[in-house]
Amino acid sequence: MIPLPQEPSEIRRLARKARSEAKRQTQKEITRMNENKEQQNKLIQNNEKG
């Protein structure tokens, strides 16, 4: 079966949706990395004190 052609507006909508999801995933990863870095800094500070 031959797939139906997509309208240009549908193609743009899907591209926007994909970009938005990629940005969301990137932001999640950055947030997770920052949380890990903060936790490591706290551990380092505690080890230096003790």
PDB file of N, CA and C in Angstrom:
ATOM      1  N   MET A   1       0.837  -1.190   0.000  1.00  0.00           N
ATOM      2  CA  MET A   1       0.000   0.000   0.000  1.00  0.00           C
ATOM      3  C   MET A   1       0.881   1.253   0.000  1.00  0.00           C
ATOM      4  N   ILE A   2       0.563   2.202  -0.837  1.00  0.00           N
ATOM      5  CA  ILE A   2       1.339   3.437  -0.964  1.00  0.00           C
ATOM      6  C   ILE A   2       0.887   4.428   0.112  1.00  0.00           C
ATOM      7  N   PRO A   3       1.849   4.977   0.888  1.00  0.00           N
ATOM      8  CA  PRO A   3       1.451   5.955   1.912  1.00  0.00           C
ATOM      9  C   PRO A   3       0.966   7.251   1.261  1.00  0.00           C
ATOM     10  N   LEU A   4       0.008   7.890   1.896  1.00  0.00           N
ATOM     11  CA  LEU A   4      -0.512   9.153   1.388  1.00  0.00           C
ATOM     12  C   LEU A   4       0.520  10.254   1.582  1.00  0.00           C
ATOM     13  N   PRO A   5       0.589  11.197   0.651  1.00  0.00           N
ATOM     14  CA  PRO A   5       1.526  12.309   0.829  1.00  0.00           C
ATOM     15  C   PRO A   5       1.101  13.182   2.011  1.00  0.00           C
ATOM     16  N   GLN A   6       2.098  13.735   2.700  1.00  0.00           N
ATOM     17  CA  GLN A   6       1.800  14.604   3.838  1.00  0.00           C
ATOM     18  C   GLN A   6       1.717  16.051   3.377  1.00  0.00           C
ATOM     19  N   GLU A   7       0.810  16.774   3.990  1.00  0.00           N
ATOM     20  CA  GLU A   7       0.697  18.206   3.721  1.00  0.00           C
ATOM     21  C   GLU A   7       1.917  18.910   4.316  1.00  0.00           C
ATOM     22  N   PRO A   8       2.378  20.004   3.690  1.00  0.00           N
ATOM     23  CA  PRO A   8       3.514  20.750   4.251  1.00  0.00           C
ATOM     24  C   PRO A   8       3.276  21.200   5.693  1.00  0.00           C
ATOM     25  N   SER A   9       2.041  21.579   6.008  1.00  0.00           N
ATOM     26  CA  SER A   9       1.749  22.021   7.375  1.00  0.00           C
ATOM     27  C   SER A   9       1.891  20.862   8.364  1.00  0.00           C
ATOM     28  N   GLU A  10       1.527  19.666   7.921  1.00  0.00           N
ATOM     29  CA  GLU A  10       1.665  18.491   8.789  1.00  0.00           C
ATOM     30  C   GLU A  10       3.144  18.161   9.006  1.00  0.00           C
ATOM     31  N   ILE A  11       3.929  18.280   7.954  1.00  0.00           N
ATOM     32  CA  ILE A  11       5.372  18.038   8.060  1.00  0.00           C
ATOM     33  C   ILE A  11       5.994  19.033   9.038  1.00  0.00           C
ATOM     34  N   ARG A  12       5.621  20.317   8.920  1.00  0.00           N
ATOM     35  CA  ARG A  12       6.151  21.342   9.834  1.00  0.00           C
ATOM     36  C   ARG A  12       5.731  21.069  11.272  1.00  0.00           C
ATOM     37  N   ARG A  13       4.472  20.661  11.448  1.00  0.00           N
ATOM     38  CA  ARG A  13       3.960  20.377  12.793  1.00  0.00           C
ATOM     39  C   ARG A  13       4.746  19.232  13.429  1.00  0.00           C
ATOM     40  N   LEU A  14       4.990  18.181  12.666  1.00  0.00           N
ATOM     41  CA  LEU A  14       5.746  17.043  13.192  1.00  0.00           C
ATOM     42  C   LEU A  14       7.190  17.433  13.501  1.00  0.00           C
ATOM     43  N   ALA A  15       7.773  18.279  12.653  1.00  0.00           N
ATOM     44  CA  ALA A  15       9.145  18.733  12.900  1.00  0.00           C
ATOM     45  C   ALA A  15       9.206  19.577  14.167  1.00  0.00           C
ATOM     46  N   ARG A  16       8.220  20.472  14.355  1.00  0.00           N
ATOM     47  CA  ARG A  16       8.172  21.292  15.576  1.00  0.00           C
ATOM     48  C   ARG A  16       8.016  20.418  16.806  1.00  0.00           C
ATOM     49  N   LYS A  17       7.159  19.423  16.698  1.00  0.00           N
ATOM     50  CA  LYS A  17       6.921  18.511  17.824  1.00  0.00           C
ATOM     51  C   LYS A  17       8.210  17.758  18.175  1.00  0.00           C
ATOM     52  N   ALA A  18       8.929  17.301  17.170  1.00  0.00           N
ATOM     53  CA  ALA A  18      10.184  16.578  17.404  1.00  0.00           C
ATOM     54  C   ALA A  18      11.227  17.493  18.038  1.00  0.00           C
ATOM     55  N   ARG A  19      11.332  18.741  17.552  1.00  0.00           N
ATOM     56  CA  ARG A  19      12.287  19.695  18.138  1.00  0.00           C
ATOM     57  C   ARG A  19      11.939  19.987  19.586  1.00  0.00           C
ATOM     58  N   SER A  20      10.654  20.173  19.848  1.00  0.00           N
ATOM     59  CA  SER A  20      10.194  20.465  21.201  1.00  0.00           C
ATOM     60  C   SER A  20      10.535  19.310  22.145  1.00  0.00           C
ATOM     61  N   GLU A  21      10.303  18.101  21.695  1.00  0.00           N
ATOM     62  CA  GLU A  21      10.607  16.926  22.521  1.00  0.00           C
ATOM     63  C   GLU A  21      12.113  16.806  22.749  1.00  0.00           C
ATOM     64  N   ALA A  22      12.906  17.089  21.731  1.00  0.00           N
ATOM     65  CA  ALA A  22      14.363  17.031  21.875  1.00  0.00           C
ATOM     66  C   ALA A  22      14.838  18.064  22.891  1.00  0.00           C
ATOM     67  N   LYS A  23      14.279  19.265  22.842  1.00  0.00           N
ATOM     68  CA  LYS A  23      14.646  20.304  23.811  1.00  0.00           C
ATOM     69  C   LYS A  23      14.276  19.877  25.223  1.00  0.00           C
ATOM     70  N   ARG A  24      13.099  19.273  25.365  1.00  0.00           N
ATOM     71  CA  ARG A  24      12.635  18.826  26.682  1.00  0.00           C
ATOM     72  C   ARG A  24      13.579  17.752  27.239  1.00  0.00           C
ATOM     73  N   GLN A  25      13.971  16.804  26.390  1.00  0.00           N
ATOM     74  CA  GLN A  25      14.883  15.745  26.825  1.00  0.00           C
ATOM     75  C   GLN A  25      16.247  16.318  27.201  1.00  0.00           C
ATOM     76  N   THR A  26      16.719  17.279  26.422  1.00  0.00           N
ATOM     77  CA  THR A  26      18.001  17.916  26.716  1.00  0.00           C
ATOM     78  C   THR A  26      17.944  18.640  28.047  1.00  0.00           C
ATOM     79  N   GLN A  27      16.859  19.358  28.294  1.00  0.00           N
ATOM     80  CA  GLN A  27      16.717  20.091  29.553  1.00  0.00           C
ATOM     81  C   GLN A  27      16.670  19.131  30.734  1.00  0.00           C
ATOM     82  N   LYS A  28      15.997  17.994  30.573  1.00  0.00           N
ATOM     83  CA  LYS A  28      15.963  16.978  31.634  1.00  0.00           C
ATOM     84  C   LYS A  28      17.374  16.502  31.951  1.00  0.00           C
ATOM     85  N   GLU A  29      18.154  16.238  30.909  1.00  0.00           N
ATOM     86  CA  GLU A  29      19.517  15.743  31.089  1.00  0.00           C
ATOM     87  C   GLU A  29      20.392  16.791  31.773  1.00  0.00           C
ATOM     88  N   ILE A  30      20.260  18.052  31.375  1.00  0.00           N
ATOM     89  CA  ILE A  30      21.034  19.131  31.993  1.00  0.00           C
ATOM     90  C   ILE A  30      20.673  19.256  33.465  1.00  0.00           C
ATOM     91  N   THR A  31      19.384  19.191  33.771  1.00  0.00           N
ATOM     92  CA  THR A  31      18.935  19.276  35.161  1.00  0.00           C
ATOM     93  C   THR A  31      19.517  18.128  35.976  1.00  0.00           C
ATOM     94  N   ARG A  32      19.481  16.921  35.421  1.00  0.00           N
ATOM     95  CA  ARG A  32      20.018  15.754  36.119  1.00  0.00           C
ATOM     96  C   ARG A  32      21.521  15.910  36.360  1.00  0.00           C
ATOM     97  N   MET A  33      22.237  16.411  35.362  1.00  0.00           N
ATOM     98  CA  MET A  33      23.677  16.609  35.505  1.00  0.00           C
ATOM     99  C   MET A  33      23.980  17.650  36.575  1.00  0.00           C
ATOM    100  N   ASN A  34      23.205  18.728  36.606  1.00  0.00           N
ATOM    101  CA  ASN A  34      23.412  19.765  37.615  1.00  0.00           C
ATOM    102  C   ASN A  34      23.154  19.228  39.015  1.00  0.00           C
ATOM    103  N   GLU A  35      22.118  18.404  39.162  1.00  0.00           N
ATOM    104  CA  GLU A  35      21.819  17.815  40.468  1.00  0.00           C
ATOM    105  C   GLU A  35      22.960  16.906  40.915  1.00  0.00           C
ATOM    106  N   ASN A  36      23.504  16.116  39.993  1.00  0.00           N
ATOM    107  CA  ASN A  36      24.628  15.242  40.323  1.00  0.00           C
ATOM    108  C   ASN A  36      25.849  16.059  40.723  1.00  0.00           C
ATOM    109  N   LYS A  37      26.086  17.142  40.011  1.00  0.00           N
ATOM    110  CA  LYS A  37      27.243  17.985  40.310  1.00  0.00           C
ATOM    111  C   LYS A  37      27.101  18.609  41.693  1.00  0.00           C
ATOM    112  N   GLU A  38      25.901  19.087  42.028  1.00  0.00           N
ATOM    113  CA  GLU A  38      25.661  19.657  43.354  1.00  0.00           C
ATOM    114  C   GLU A  38      25.901  18.616  44.435  1.00  0.00           C
ATOM    115  N   GLN A  39      25.418  17.408  44.204  1.00  0.00           N
ATOM    116  CA  GLN A  39      25.581  16.333  45.181  1.00  0.00           C
ATOM    117  C   GLN A  39      27.069  16.003  45.356  1.00  0.00           C
ATOM    118  N   GLN A  40      27.815  15.952  44.271  1.00  0.00           N
ATOM    119  CA  GLN A  40      29.249  15.677  44.351  1.00  0.00           C
ATOM    120  C   GLN A  40      29.969  16.784  45.109  1.00  0.00           C
ATOM    121  N   ASN A  41      29.598  18.032  44.853  1.00  0.00           N
ATOM    122  CA  ASN A  41      30.230  19.148  45.552  1.00  0.00           C
ATOM    123  C   ASN A  41      29.980  19.068  47.048  1.00  0.00           C
ATOM    124  N   LYS A  42      28.768  18.689  47.454  1.00  0.00           N
ATOM    125  CA  LYS A  42      28.454  18.545  48.872  1.00  0.00           C
ATOM    126  C   LYS A  42      29.308  17.449  49.498  1.00  0.00           C
ATOM    127  N   LEU A  43      29.453  16.327  48.791  1.00  0.00           N
ATOM    128  CA  LEU A  43      30.264  15.226  49.307  1.00  0.00           C
ATOM    129  C   LEU A  43      31.729  15.638  49.435  1.00  0.00           C
ATOM    130  N   ILE A  44      32.227  16.356  48.460  1.00  0.00           N
ATOM    131  CA  ILE A  44      33.622  16.812  48.498  1.00  0.00           C
ATOM    132  C   ILE A  44      33.829  17.755  49.674  1.00  0.00           C
ATOM    133  N   GLN A  45      32.898  18.678  49.869  1.00  0.00           N
ATOM    134  CA  GLN A  45      33.011  19.619  50.985  1.00  0.00           C
ATOM    135  C   GLN A  45      32.966  18.890  52.319  1.00  0.00           C
ATOM    136  N   ASN A  46      32.096  17.902  52.447  1.00  0.00           N
ATOM    137  CA  ASN A  46      32.006  17.134  53.686  1.00  0.00           C
ATOM    138  C   ASN A  46      33.286  16.343  53.933  1.00  0.00           C
ATOM    139  N   ASN A  47      33.882  15.792  52.893  1.00  0.00           N
ATOM    140  CA  ASN A  47      35.125  15.034  53.043  1.00  0.00           C
ATOM    141  C   ASN A  47      36.284  15.943  53.421  1.00  0.00           C
ATOM    142  N   GLU A  48      36.301  17.165  52.899  1.00  0.00           N
ATOM    143  CA  GLU A  48      37.376  18.102  53.225  1.00  0.00           C
ATOM    144  C   GLU A  48      37.274  18.569  54.673  1.00  0.00           C
ATOM    145  N   LYS A  49      36.045  18.703  55.178  1.00  0.00           N
ATOM    146  CA  LYS A  49      35.844  19.136  56.564  1.00  0.00           C
ATOM    147  C   LYS A  49      36.263  18.039  57.536  1.00  0.00           C
ATOM    148  N   GLY A  50      35.922  16.803  57.205  1.00  0.00           N
ATOM    149  CA  GLY A  50      36.140  15.687  58.116  1.00  0.00           C
ATOM    150  C   GLY A  50      37.501  15.183  58.010  1.00  0.00           C
TER     151      GLY A  50
END
